[in-house]
C-alpha cells in the first residue's frame, strides 16, 4: 500500500476481531515509526501507554459505569467548540445520522443510543488500547505535533494489516483513566486509540464519512 492509499483508506473502525492479538514487537515497531513525526525543535512531546488484559478491562468497567450512570465527566480540554454553528454542526449531524442510520438506531431511542455508545469504552472489541498523554506545560504547538504523531501511527498500522479508531471519549473520565494508567500528575490525557484487526463482515465498518473537495477550502494567493 502506498502513502496515498493508506491515507484515503483510513477510517475509524468500530468493530475489531477480539480473538486476534497484536504482538509487543509489532506495537513497538509502529510506535517507533510514528516517532519520526515532525515536532517543533524536535521536542517529541508524546507519551504512550499500551494497555491490554486486566488493566484494559478495568478501564472499560469504570468508564462504562460512569457513562451508564449518566456521569458526563469533565475533560481537561475542549475537543469540540463550546458553541456549535454552521457549517460544523451540519457536518457533525451528517456523520451521526449516517452512522446510526446504517445501524438501524433511531436517535430518539435513548436506550438504543446508549447501548451503542457504551461500546466506545469497550474499545469496540480491539485487543489493544493505546493512551496518549502530554506534559501540562506544553503549548498549542506541541498539540499540533501530537496530531502528526497520531496520524503517522494510524497509517503505519494500516501497512501491517491493522486498523484503528482514535477516541476522545475517554477524556471526560481522565480522573478515572489516569490513575489506572499510573500516569504522573504532570501529564494530561490527550486521547486513546483502539488498535487491532478489523472484524470481518462487520456492518459498522462499512460506514464512510464524506470529505470536502479541496477546492472548497483552498485558495491560491499570488
Protein backbone atom coordinates (compact mmCIF):
# COMPACT_ATOMS: atom_id res chain seq x y z
CA UNK A 1 0.00 0.00 0.00
CA UNK A 2 1.39 3.41 -0.91
CA UNK A 3 1.00 6.52 1.24
CA UNK A 4 -1.99 7.86 -0.68
CA UNK A 5 -3.84 4.55 -0.37
CA UNK A 6 -3.11 4.43 3.37
CA UNK A 7 -4.48 7.93 3.88
CA UNK A 8 -7.58 7.62 1.70
CA UNK A 9 -8.44 4.16 3.02
CA UNK A 10 -8.07 5.03 6.68
CA UNK A 11 -11.30 5.17 8.64
CA UNK A 12 -12.43 4.84 12.22
CA UNK A 13 -13.01 1.13 12.72
CA UNK A 14 -15.76 0.34 15.24
CA UNK A 15 -15.67 -3.45 15.23
CA UNK A 16 -12.44 -5.35 15.84
CA UNK A 17 -11.58 -9.03 15.92
CA UNK A 18 -11.02 -9.55 19.64
CA UNK A 19 -9.53 -13.01 19.06
CA UNK A 20 -6.52 -11.77 17.06
CA UNK A 21 -3.74 -10.47 19.26
CA UNK A 22 -1.17 -7.86 18.28
CA UNK A 23 2.39 -8.68 19.33
CA UNK A 24 4.53 -6.46 21.53
CA UNK A 25 7.14 -6.28 18.78
CA UNK A 26 4.62 -5.03 16.24
CA UNK A 27 3.22 -2.44 18.63
CA UNK A 28 6.69 -1.10 19.36
CA UNK A 29 7.55 -1.14 15.65
CA UNK A 30 4.54 1.06 14.89
CA UNK A 31 5.31 3.47 17.72
CA UNK A 32 8.92 3.70 16.55
CA UNK A 33 7.75 4.67 13.07
CA UNK A 34 5.28 7.22 14.43
CA UNK A 35 8.10 8.70 16.49
CA UNK A 36 9.60 10.03 13.25
CA UNK A 37 6.71 12.52 13.05
CA UNK A 38 7.85 16.16 13.00
CA UNK A 39 7.80 18.25 16.14
CA UNK A 40 8.96 21.80 16.77
CA UNK A 41 12.66 21.83 17.73
CA UNK A 42 12.36 18.02 17.86
CA UNK A 43 10.96 18.10 21.40
CA UNK A 44 8.77 15.00 20.74
CA UNK A 45 6.06 15.76 23.34
CA UNK A 46 4.28 12.38 23.22
CA UNK A 47 3.93 9.73 25.90
CA UNK A 48 2.26 6.39 25.09
CA UNK A 49 0.64 3.81 27.38
CA UNK A 50 -0.09 0.39 25.87
CA UNK A 51 -3.00 -1.26 27.69
CA UNK A 52 -4.30 -4.82 27.40
CA UNK A 53 -5.73 -7.56 29.57
CA UNK A 54 -6.92 -6.83 33.09
CA UNK A 55 -5.89 -3.15 33.03
CA UNK A 56 -7.93 -2.56 29.88
CA UNK A 57 -10.91 -4.35 31.40
CA UNK A 58 -10.70 -2.16 34.50
CA UNK A 59 -10.73 0.99 32.37
CA UNK A 60 -13.70 -0.38 30.42
CA UNK A 61 -15.59 -1.21 33.61
CA UNK A 62 -15.01 2.16 35.27
CA UNK A 63 -15.74 4.34 32.23
CA UNK A 64 -18.77 2.26 31.24
CA UNK A 65 -20.15 2.50 34.76
CA UNK A 66 -19.83 6.28 34.81
CA UNK A 67 -21.34 6.65 31.35
CA UNK A 68 -24.31 4.39 32.08
CA UNK A 69 -24.96 6.21 35.36
CA UNK A 70 -25.27 9.47 33.44
CA UNK A 71 -21.96 10.89 34.67
CA UNK A 72 -20.76 13.05 31.76
CA UNK A 73 -17.37 13.69 33.35
CA UNK A 74 -15.34 16.81 32.69
CA UNK A 75 -12.46 16.72 30.22
CA UNK A 76 -9.43 18.91 30.85
CA UNK A 77 -9.63 20.48 27.41
CA UNK A 78 -12.41 21.26 24.95
CA UNK A 79 -12.26 18.91 21.98
CA UNK A 80 -15.29 20.45 20.29
CA UNK A 81 -16.34 24.12 20.04
CA UNK A 82 -18.32 25.41 23.00
CA UNK A 83 -20.89 26.93 20.66
CA UNK A 84 -21.75 24.92 17.58
CA UNK A 85 -22.53 26.73 14.31
CA UNK A 86 -22.72 26.04 10.62
CA UNK A 87 -21.08 24.53 8.68
CA UNK A 88 -19.60 22.44 11.51
CA UNK A 89 -22.82 21.38 13.21
CA UNK A 90 -24.16 20.25 9.84
CA UNK A 91 -21.14 18.04 9.21
CA UNK A 92 -21.44 16.56 12.68
CA UNK A 93 -25.12 15.76 12.18
CA UNK A 94 -24.44 14.17 8.80
CA UNK A 95 -21.93 11.84 10.42
CA UNK A 96 -24.13 10.99 13.39
CA UNK A 97 -27.30 10.36 11.39
CA UNK A 98 -25.35 8.40 8.80
CA UNK A 99 -23.78 6.06 11.35
CA UNK A 100 -26.94 5.48 13.36
CA UNK A 101 -28.99 5.11 10.21
CA UNK A 102 -26.68 2.39 8.92
CA UNK A 103 -27.06 0.53 12.21
CA UNK A 104 -30.83 0.96 12.29
CA UNK A 105 -30.71 3.02 15.50
CA UNK A 106 -33.30 5.75 15.96
CA UNK A 107 -31.50 8.66 17.61
CA UNK A 108 -34.68 9.32 19.58
CA UNK A 109 -34.34 5.85 21.13
CA UNK A 110 -32.25 6.80 24.14
CA UNK A 111 -31.66 3.25 25.33
CA UNK A 112 -30.52 2.03 21.91
CA UNK A 113 -28.18 5.00 21.52
CA UNK A 114 -26.76 4.41 24.97
CA UNK A 115 -26.19 0.70 24.26
CA UNK A 116 -24.23 1.61 21.18
CA UNK A 117 -22.27 4.50 22.68
CA UNK A 118 -21.02 2.40 25.58
CA UNK A 119 -19.09 0.28 23.08
CA UNK A 120 -16.66 3.21 22.92
CA UNK A 121 -15.48 2.21 26.39
CA UNK A 122 -15.18 -1.41 25.32
CA UNK A 123 -12.67 -0.29 22.67
CA UNK A 124 -15.02 -1.76 20.04
CA UNK A 125 -13.56 -5.17 20.82
CA UNK A 126 -9.97 -4.19 20.00
CA UNK A 127 -7.31 -6.25 21.79
CA UNK A 128 -5.04 -3.24 22.28
CA UNK A 129 -5.75 0.20 23.71
CA UNK A 130 -3.23 2.98 23.37
CA UNK A 131 -3.49 6.04 25.60
CA UNK A 132 -1.62 9.23 24.83
CA UNK A 133 -0.61 11.90 27.31
CA UNK A 134 1.24 15.19 27.18
CA UNK A 135 3.02 17.24 29.83
CA UNK A 136 0.78 20.01 31.13
CA UNK A 137 3.32 22.76 30.46
CA UNK A 138 3.38 22.10 26.72
CA UNK A 139 1.71 24.71 24.50
CA UNK A 140 -0.55 24.51 21.44
CA UNK A 141 2.33 23.90 19.05
CA UNK A 142 3.05 20.59 20.76
CA UNK A 143 -0.60 19.59 20.34
CA UNK A 144 -0.21 20.19 16.59
CA UNK A 145 2.86 17.98 16.67
CA UNK A 146 0.86 15.35 18.53
CA UNK A 147 -1.70 15.17 15.74
CA UNK A 148 1.03 14.37 13.23
CA UNK A 149 2.35 11.64 15.54
CA UNK A 150 -1.10 10.06 15.88
CA UNK A 151 -1.76 10.15 12.13
CA UNK A 152 1.65 8.58 11.48
CA UNK A 153 0.84 5.77 13.89
CA UNK A 154 -2.54 5.04 12.32
CA UNK A 155 -1.11 4.99 8.80
CA UNK A 156 1.79 2.74 9.80
CA UNK A 157 -0.74 0.35 11.34
CA UNK A 158 -2.57 0.02 8.02
CA UNK A 159 0.61 -1.12 6.29
CA UNK A 160 0.66 -4.08 8.70
CA UNK A 161 -2.98 -5.00 8.12
CA UNK A 162 -4.16 -3.33 11.32
CA UNK A 163 -6.81 -0.66 11.71
CA UNK A 164 -7.58 1.87 14.41
CA UNK A 165 -10.12 4.19 15.95
CA UNK A 166 -8.95 7.43 17.59
CA UNK A 167 -11.13 8.24 20.60
CA UNK A 168 -11.64 11.34 22.69
CA UNK A 169 -14.49 9.58 24.56
CA UNK A 170 -12.18 8.71 27.46
CA UNK A 171 -11.09 12.29 28.09
CA UNK A 172 -14.12 13.27 30.25
CA UNK A 173 -13.17 10.36 32.53
CA UNK A 174 -9.47 11.23 32.73
CA UNK A 175 -9.70 11.25 36.52
CA UNK A 176 -10.54 7.54 36.38
CA UNK A 177 -8.25 6.64 33.48
CA UNK A 178 -5.04 8.37 34.51
CA UNK A 179 -4.72 6.60 37.89
CA UNK A 180 -5.34 3.26 36.17
CA UNK A 181 -2.52 4.10 33.76
CA UNK A 182 -0.36 5.04 36.75
CA UNK A 183 0.39 8.28 34.88
CA UNK A 184 2.07 11.12 36.82
CA UNK A 185 0.13 14.24 37.76
CA UNK A 186 2.18 16.41 35.42
CA UNK A 187 0.67 14.64 32.41
CA UNK A 188 -2.79 15.12 30.92
CA UNK A 189 -4.77 12.78 28.72
CA UNK A 190 -4.84 13.63 25.00
CA UNK A 191 -6.87 10.72 23.62
CA UNK A 192 -6.94 6.96 23.13
CA UNK A 193 -6.67 4.76 20.07
CA UNK A 194 -8.24 1.32 19.74
CA UNK A 195 -5.93 -0.88 17.67
CA UNK A 196 -6.36 -4.32 16.14
CA UNK A 197 -7.52 -6.30 13.14
CA UNK A 198 -10.96 -5.33 11.79
CA UNK A 199 -13.81 -7.79 12.31
CA UNK A 200 -14.63 -9.45 9.01
CA UNK A 201 -18.06 -8.61 7.64
CA UNK A 202 -18.99 -6.09 10.36
CA UNK A 203 -21.66 -3.75 9.02
CA UNK A 204 -20.44 -0.78 11.04
CA UNK A 205 -17.04 -0.98 9.34
CA UNK A 206 -18.66 -0.18 6.00
CA UNK A 207 -19.52 3.32 7.20
CA UNK A 208 -17.52 6.02 5.45
CA UNK A 209 -17.72 9.72 6.17
CA UNK A 210 -17.74 12.29 3.39
CA UNK A 211 -14.93 14.75 2.74
CA UNK A 212 -14.93 18.22 1.25
CA UNK A 213 -13.34 18.72 -2.15
CA UNK A 214 -10.04 20.55 -1.83
CA UNK A 215 -11.28 23.49 -3.93
CA UNK A 216 -13.91 24.29 -1.28
CA UNK A 217 -11.31 25.19 1.36
CA UNK A 218 -8.18 26.04 -0.66
CA UNK A 219 -7.18 29.40 -2.16
CA UNK A 220 -4.19 30.21 -4.31
CA UNK A 221 -2.97 33.68 -3.33
CA UNK A 222 -0.44 35.12 -5.82
